[in-house]
Amino acid sequence: MSAEFPEFRLGSVLATSFTATLTERRGDPVERIPTPQRLADWLAVSGLAVDSCTADQLDLGRELREAIHAAATAAAVGDPLPGPALRVINDRSAQGRAAAVLTPEGERRWRLGPASAVEDALGVIAADAISVIAGERDGRLALCASPTCRAAFFDTSQSRTRKWCEMNTCGNRQKKARFTAKRRGEHGAAG
């Protein structure tokens, strides 16, 4: 993978990891899949390797990403799920052709068709989003507390009170900002 692009932010939940291919949505957005090859790279590291990706398939992927983000955000705050987003998610799920397979280690993996089409991989991501948004998994959807991020993430912590999509990025950035503000306040009061 090319060093000229920002690193992928991979989590344990496929659908919300896919929405993290666009980060800092309320700040200076960072597009992590700016090219068709970059989407193919993300799919490969996510266990959904495809033979190739076109610009039209990249557009389908970004459309699905934004639909998942919209639906997951609505679910996280208890709003009605947006109809246009549901149509995209459901259409991508229905159009994908992939099979769940069990590995010798007892893990579920996805087997795409012999042509390994991007649409099949997007179908897997859409199906994962459906399972998460429908509440079929142990955890809850939440929104990152960072005012510039606000990414939807799936909280599987024991208390279900996680605040940040990633502690190493958003959480540390917010802690550093609070620390810096506190130090400025102490130095201002001492001066």
C-alpha atoms as a PDB file:
ATOM      1  CA  MET A   1       0.000   0.000   0.000  1.00  0.00           C
ATOM      2  CA  SER A   2       1.213   3.438  -0.883  1.00  0.00           C
ATOM      3  CA  ALA A   3       2.658   5.644   1.847  1.00  0.00           C
ATOM      4  CA  GLU A   4       1.155   8.731   0.189  1.00  0.00           C
ATOM      5  CA  PHE A   5      -2.289   7.920   1.600  1.00  0.00           C
ATOM      6  CA  PRO A   6      -3.386   8.124   5.252  1.00  0.00           C
ATOM      7  CA  GLU A   7      -3.412   4.859   7.166  1.00  0.00           C
ATOM      8  CA  PHE A   8      -6.599   2.847   7.411  1.00  0.00           C
ATOM      9  CA  ARG A   9      -8.424   2.914  10.728  1.00  0.00           C
ATOM     10  CA  LEU A  10      -9.445  -0.703  11.133  1.00  0.00           C
ATOM     11  CA  GLY A  11     -11.673  -1.917  13.908  1.00  0.00           C
ATOM     12  CA  SER A  12     -13.294  -5.203  14.773  1.00  0.00           C
ATOM     13  CA  VAL A  13     -16.640  -4.362  13.128  1.00  0.00           C
ATOM     14  CA  LEU A  14     -16.561  -4.389   9.339  1.00  0.00           C
ATOM     15  CA  ALA A  15     -19.380  -1.902   8.701  1.00  0.00           C
ATOM     16  CA  THR A  16     -18.176   0.811  11.083  1.00  0.00           C
ATOM     17  CA  SER A  17     -14.574   0.274   9.983  1.00  0.00           C
ATOM     18  CA  PHE A  18     -15.764   0.945   6.449  1.00  0.00           C
ATOM     19  CA  THR A  19     -17.351   4.242   7.506  1.00  0.00           C
ATOM     20  CA  ALA A  20     -13.935   5.155   8.971  1.00  0.00           C
ATOM     21  CA  THR A  21     -12.550   5.400   5.445  1.00  0.00           C
ATOM     22  CA  LEU A  22     -13.711   9.023   5.761  1.00  0.00           C
ATOM     23  CA  THR A  23     -12.648  10.559   9.056  1.00  0.00           C
ATOM     24  CA  GLU A  24     -12.851  13.967  10.690  1.00  0.00           C
ATOM     25  CA  ARG A  25     -16.236  14.460   9.029  1.00  0.00           C
ATOM     26  CA  ARG A  26     -16.918  17.670  10.983  1.00  0.00           C
ATOM     27  CA  GLY A  27     -13.403  19.077  10.778  1.00  0.00           C
ATOM     28  CA  ASP A  28     -11.035  18.734   7.855  1.00  0.00           C
ATOM     29  CA  PRO A  29     -12.299  15.479   6.305  1.00  0.00           C
ATOM     30  CA  VAL A  30      -9.672  12.829   5.571  1.00  0.00           C
ATOM     31  CA  GLU A  31     -10.556  10.564   2.624  1.00  0.00           C
ATOM     32  CA  ARG A  32      -8.781   7.243   3.085  1.00  0.00           C
ATOM     33  CA  ILE A  33     -10.068   5.654  -0.151  1.00  0.00           C
ATOM     34  CA  PRO A  34      -9.439   8.405  -2.739  1.00  0.00           C
ATOM     35  CA  THR A  35      -8.769   5.991  -5.621  1.00  0.00           C
ATOM     36  CA  PRO A  36     -10.247   2.710  -6.861  1.00  0.00           C
ATOM     37  CA  GLN A  37      -6.999   0.896  -5.972  1.00  0.00           C
ATOM     38  CA  ARG A  38      -7.179   2.263  -2.444  1.00  0.00           C
ATOM     39  CA  LEU A  39     -10.668   0.766  -2.035  1.00  0.00           C
ATOM     40  CA  ALA A  40      -9.303  -2.552  -3.308  1.00  0.00           C
ATOM     41  CA  ASP A  41      -6.495  -2.239  -0.719  1.00  0.00           C
ATOM     42  CA  TRP A  42      -9.002  -1.620   2.084  1.00  0.00           C
ATOM     43  CA  LEU A  43     -11.098  -4.590   1.003  1.00  0.00           C
ATOM     44  CA  ALA A  44      -7.994  -6.801   0.944  1.00  0.00           C
ATOM     45  CA  VAL A  45      -6.893  -5.887   4.477  1.00  0.00           C
ATOM     46  CA  SER A  46     -10.488  -6.464   5.601  1.00  0.00           C
ATOM     47  CA  GLY A  47     -10.555 -10.023   4.283  1.00  0.00           C
ATOM     48  CA  LEU A  48     -12.535  -9.204   1.135  1.00  0.00           C
ATOM     49  CA  ALA A  49      -9.850  -9.182  -1.556  1.00  0.00           C
ATOM     50  CA  VAL A  50     -11.043  -8.339  -5.054  1.00  0.00           C
ATOM     51  CA  ASP A  51      -9.309  -8.648  -8.407  1.00  0.00           C
ATOM     52  CA  SER A  52      -9.731  -4.982  -9.365  1.00  0.00           C
ATOM     53  CA  CYS A  53     -11.841  -1.890  -8.727  1.00  0.00           C
ATOM     54  CA  THR A  54     -13.167   0.732 -11.146  1.00  0.00           C
ATOM     55  CA  ALA A  55     -14.088   4.372 -10.570  1.00  0.00           C
ATOM     56  CA  ASP A  56     -17.789   3.427 -10.767  1.00  0.00           C
ATOM     57  CA  GLN A  57     -17.279   0.748  -8.110  1.00  0.00           C
ATOM     58  CA  LEU A  58     -15.468   3.276  -5.921  1.00  0.00           C
ATOM     59  CA  ASP A  59     -18.537   5.518  -6.260  1.00  0.00           C
ATOM     60  CA  LEU A  60     -20.773   2.590  -5.200  1.00  0.00           C
ATOM     61  CA  GLY A  61     -18.505   2.002  -2.218  1.00  0.00           C
ATOM     62  CA  ARG A  62     -18.576   5.622  -1.123  1.00  0.00           C
ATOM     63  CA  GLU A  63     -22.360   5.722  -1.539  1.00  0.00           C
ATOM     64  CA  LEU A  64     -22.646   2.648   0.709  1.00  0.00           C
ATOM     65  CA  ARG A  65     -20.201   4.115   3.219  1.00  0.00           C
ATOM     66  CA  GLU A  66     -22.262   7.295   3.548  1.00  0.00           C
ATOM     67  CA  ALA A  67     -25.525   5.341   3.761  1.00  0.00           C
ATOM     68  CA  ILE A  68     -24.122   3.197   6.585  1.00  0.00           C
ATOM     69  CA  HIS A  69     -22.843   6.308   8.355  1.00  0.00           C
ATOM     70  CA  ALA A  70     -26.253   8.016   8.070  1.00  0.00           C
ATOM     71  CA  ALA A  71     -28.187   4.961   9.287  1.00  0.00           C
ATOM     72  CA  ALA A  72     -25.734   4.154  12.092  1.00  0.00           C
ATOM     73  CA  THR A  73     -25.746   7.778  13.256  1.00  0.00           C
ATOM     74  CA  ALA A  74     -29.541   7.822  13.335  1.00  0.00           C
ATOM     75  CA  ALA A  75     -29.604   4.505  15.226  1.00  0.00           C
ATOM     76  CA  ALA A  76     -27.014   5.747  17.734  1.00  0.00           C
ATOM     77  CA  VAL A  77     -29.104   8.786  18.672  1.00  0.00           C
ATOM     78  CA  GLY A  78     -32.476   7.047  18.459  1.00  0.00           C
ATOM     79  CA  ASP A  79     -33.721   8.868  15.348  1.00  0.00           C
ATOM     80  CA  PRO A  80     -35.735   7.158  12.601  1.00  0.00           C
ATOM     81  CA  LEU A  81     -33.519   5.445  10.058  1.00  0.00           C
ATOM     82  CA  PRO A  82     -33.282   7.514   6.851  1.00  0.00           C
ATOM     83  CA  GLY A  83     -35.138   5.907   3.930  1.00  0.00           C
ATOM     84  CA  PRO A  84     -32.573   6.754   1.215  1.00  0.00           C
ATOM     85  CA  ALA A  85     -29.763   5.243   3.305  1.00  0.00           C
ATOM     86  CA  LEU A  86     -31.786   2.096   3.946  1.00  0.00           C
ATOM     87  CA  ARG A  87     -32.434   1.682   0.219  1.00  0.00           C
ATOM     88  CA  VAL A  88     -28.718   1.866  -0.555  1.00  0.00           C
ATOM     89  CA  ILE A  89     -27.788  -0.579   2.222  1.00  0.00           C
ATOM     90  CA  ASN A  90     -30.529  -3.032   1.282  1.00  0.00           C
ATOM     91  CA  ASP A  91     -29.753  -2.818  -2.457  1.00  0.00           C
ATOM     92  CA  ARG A  92     -26.027  -3.429  -1.892  1.00  0.00           C
ATOM     93  CA  SER A  93     -26.810  -6.363   0.409  1.00  0.00           C
ATOM     94  CA  ALA A  94     -29.216  -7.939  -2.086  1.00  0.00           C
ATOM     95  CA  GLN A  95     -26.827  -7.528  -5.019  1.00  0.00           C
ATOM     96  CA  GLY A  96     -23.815  -9.111  -3.339  1.00  0.00           C
ATOM     97  CA  ARG A  97     -22.912 -12.768  -3.878  1.00  0.00           C
ATOM     98  CA  ALA A  98     -20.712 -14.049  -1.090  1.00  0.00           C
ATOM     99  CA  ALA A  99     -20.776 -17.072   1.167  1.00  0.00           C
ATOM    100  CA  ALA A 100     -19.876 -17.319   4.815  1.00  0.00           C
ATOM    101  CA  VAL A 101     -17.309 -20.068   5.401  1.00  0.00           C
ATOM    102  CA  LEU A 102     -15.924 -21.546   8.593  1.00  0.00           C
ATOM    103  CA  THR A 103     -12.151 -21.716   9.010  1.00  0.00           C
ATOM    104  CA  PRO A 104     -10.344 -24.598  10.775  1.00  0.00           C
ATOM    105  CA  GLU A 105      -9.824 -22.149  13.672  1.00  0.00           C
ATOM    106  CA  GLY A 106     -13.585 -21.823  14.045  1.00  0.00           C
ATOM    107  CA  GLU A 107     -13.805 -18.299  12.615  1.00  0.00           C
ATOM    108  CA  ARG A 108     -16.271 -17.024  10.025  1.00  0.00           C
ATOM    109  CA  ARG A 109     -14.753 -15.622   6.836  1.00  0.00           C
ATOM    110  CA  TRP A 110     -16.309 -14.543   3.571  1.00  0.00           C
ATOM    111  CA  ARG A 111     -15.732 -16.232   0.257  1.00  0.00           C
ATOM    112  CA  LEU A 112     -16.416 -14.018  -2.716  1.00  0.00           C
ATOM    113  CA  GLY A 113     -17.266 -15.403  -6.133  1.00  0.00           C
ATOM    114  CA  PRO A 114     -14.483 -16.477  -8.494  1.00  0.00           C
ATOM    115  CA  ALA A 115     -14.498 -13.071 -10.193  1.00  0.00           C
ATOM    116  CA  SER A 116     -14.192 -11.378  -6.773  1.00  0.00           C
ATOM    117  CA  ALA A 117     -16.317  -8.393  -7.731  1.00  0.00           C
ATOM    118  CA  VAL A 118     -16.349  -5.259  -5.608  1.00  0.00           C
ATOM    119  CA  GLU A 119     -20.155  -5.483  -5.549  1.00  0.00           C
ATOM    120  CA  ASP A 120     -19.895  -8.832  -3.747  1.00  0.00           C
ATOM    121  CA  ALA A 121     -17.578  -7.327  -1.124  1.00  0.00           C
ATOM    122  CA  LEU A 122     -19.907  -4.345  -0.698  1.00  0.00           C
ATOM    123  CA  GLY A 123     -22.757  -6.828  -0.191  1.00  0.00           C
ATOM    124  CA  VAL A 124     -20.866  -8.338   2.743  1.00  0.00           C
ATOM    125  CA  ILE A 125     -20.300  -4.884   4.257  1.00  0.00           C
ATOM    126  CA  ALA A 126     -23.987  -3.993   3.786  1.00  0.00           C
ATOM    127  CA  ALA A 127     -25.079  -7.262   5.423  1.00  0.00           C
ATOM    128  CA  ASP A 128     -22.755  -6.514   8.346  1.00  0.00           C
ATOM    129  CA  ALA A 129     -24.267  -3.038   8.673  1.00  0.00           C
ATOM    130  CA  ILE A 130     -27.761  -4.537   8.717  1.00  0.00           C
ATOM    131  CA  SER A 131     -26.808  -6.890  11.532  1.00  0.00           C
ATOM    132  CA  VAL A 132     -25.241  -4.073  13.589  1.00  0.00           C
ATOM    133  CA  ILE A 133     -27.988  -1.496  13.024  1.00  0.00           C
ATOM    134  CA  ALA A 134     -30.734  -4.082  13.621  1.00  0.00           C
ATOM    135  CA  GLY A 135     -29.250  -4.780  17.060  1.00  0.00           C
ATOM    136  CA  GLU A 136     -28.404  -8.407  16.355  1.00  0.00           C
ATOM    137  CA  ARG A 137     -24.993  -8.148  18.043  1.00  0.00           C
ATOM    138  CA  ASP A 138     -23.922  -7.711  21.621  1.00  0.00           C
ATOM    139  CA  GLY A 139     -23.000  -4.043  21.819  1.00  0.00           C
ATOM    140  CA  ARG A 140     -24.427  -0.649  20.979  1.00  0.00           C
ATOM    141  CA  LEU A 141     -23.950   1.995  18.333  1.00  0.00           C
ATOM    142  CA  ALA A 142     -22.494   5.228  19.658  1.00  0.00           C
ATOM    143  CA  LEU A 143     -21.043   8.441  18.254  1.00  0.00           C
ATOM    144  CA  CYS A 144     -17.492   9.580  18.899  1.00  0.00           C
ATOM    145  CA  ALA A 145     -17.377  12.395  21.450  1.00  0.00           C
ATOM    146  CA  SER A 146     -14.819  14.311  19.377  1.00  0.00           C
ATOM    147  CA  PRO A 147     -16.579  17.372  17.941  1.00  0.00           C
ATOM    148  CA  THR A 148     -14.617  17.085  14.677  1.00  0.00           C
ATOM    149  CA  CYS A 149     -15.106  13.339  14.246  1.00  0.00           C
ATOM    150  CA  ARG A 150     -18.576  12.196  15.376  1.00  0.00           C
ATOM    151  CA  ALA A 151     -17.979   8.793  13.764  1.00  0.00           C
ATOM    152  CA  ALA A 152     -20.471   6.054  14.460  1.00  0.00           C
ATOM    153  CA  PHE A 153     -18.779   3.125  16.197  1.00  0.00           C
ATOM    154  CA  PHE A 154     -19.921  -0.127  17.755  1.00  0.00           C
ATOM    155  CA  ASP A 155     -19.264  -0.156  21.493  1.00  0.00           C
ATOM    156  CA  THR A 156     -18.640  -3.647  22.832  1.00  0.00           C
ATOM    157  CA  SER A 157     -17.001  -2.513  26.075  1.00  0.00           C
ATOM    158  CA  GLN A 158     -18.364  -4.182  29.188  1.00  0.00           C
ATOM    159  CA  SER A 159     -20.049  -0.999  30.445  1.00  0.00           C
ATOM    160  CA  ARG A 160     -21.102   0.224  26.960  1.00  0.00           C
ATOM    161  CA  THR A 161     -19.856   3.709  27.875  1.00  0.00           C
ATOM    162  CA  ARG A 162     -16.958   4.133  25.447  1.00  0.00           C
ATOM    163  CA  LYS A 163     -16.676   7.767  24.293  1.00  0.00           C
ATOM    164  CA  TRP A 164     -14.215   7.671  21.388  1.00  0.00           C
ATOM    165  CA  CYS A 165     -14.206   5.835  18.081  1.00  0.00           C
ATOM    166  CA  GLU A 166     -10.495   5.214  18.758  1.00  0.00           C
ATOM    167  CA  MET A 167      -8.611   6.064  21.920  1.00  0.00           C
ATOM    168  CA  ASN A 168      -5.332   6.323  19.986  1.00  0.00           C
ATOM    169  CA  THR A 169      -6.649   9.129  17.821  1.00  0.00           C
ATOM    170  CA  CYS A 170      -9.758  10.978  18.954  1.00  0.00           C
ATOM    171  CA  GLY A 171      -9.469  10.095  22.640  1.00  0.00           C
ATOM    172  CA  ASN A 172      -5.833  11.124  22.934  1.00  0.00           C
ATOM    173  CA  ARG A 173      -6.464  14.306  20.936  1.00  0.00           C
ATOM    174  CA  GLN A 174      -9.282  15.315  23.301  1.00  0.00           C
ATOM    175  CA  LYS A 175      -7.254  14.470  26.417  1.00  0.00           C
ATOM    176  CA  LYS A 176      -4.339  16.518  25.093  1.00  0.00           C
ATOM    177  CA  ALA A 177      -6.649  19.478  24.378  1.00  0.00           C
ATOM    178  CA  ARG A 178      -8.068  19.346  27.922  1.00  0.00           C
ATOM    179  CA  PHE A 179      -4.549  19.109  29.397  1.00  0.00           C
ATOM    180  CA  THR A 180      -3.329  22.053  27.302  1.00  0.00           C
ATOM    181  CA  ALA A 181      -6.359  24.152  28.255  1.00  0.00           C
ATOM    182  CA  LYS A 182      -5.844  23.332  31.945  1.00  0.00           C
ATOM    183  CA  ARG A 183      -2.163  24.295  31.760  1.00  0.00           C
ATOM    184  CA  ARG A 184      -3.016  27.571  30.022  1.00  0.00           C
ATOM    185  CA  GLY A 185      -5.532  28.295  32.771  1.00  0.00           C
ATOM    186  CA  GLU A 186      -2.920  27.580  35.471  1.00  0.00           C
ATOM    187  CA  HIS A 187      -0.302  29.767  33.793  1.00  0.00           C
ATOM    188  CA  GLY A 188      -2.835  32.549  33.219  1.00  0.00           C
ATOM    189  CA  ALA A 189      -3.836  32.505  36.894  1.00  0.00           C
ATOM    190  CA  ALA A 190      -0.188  32.514  38.039  1.00  0.00           C
ATOM    191  CA  GLY A 191       0.771  35.483  35.831  1.00  0.00           C
END
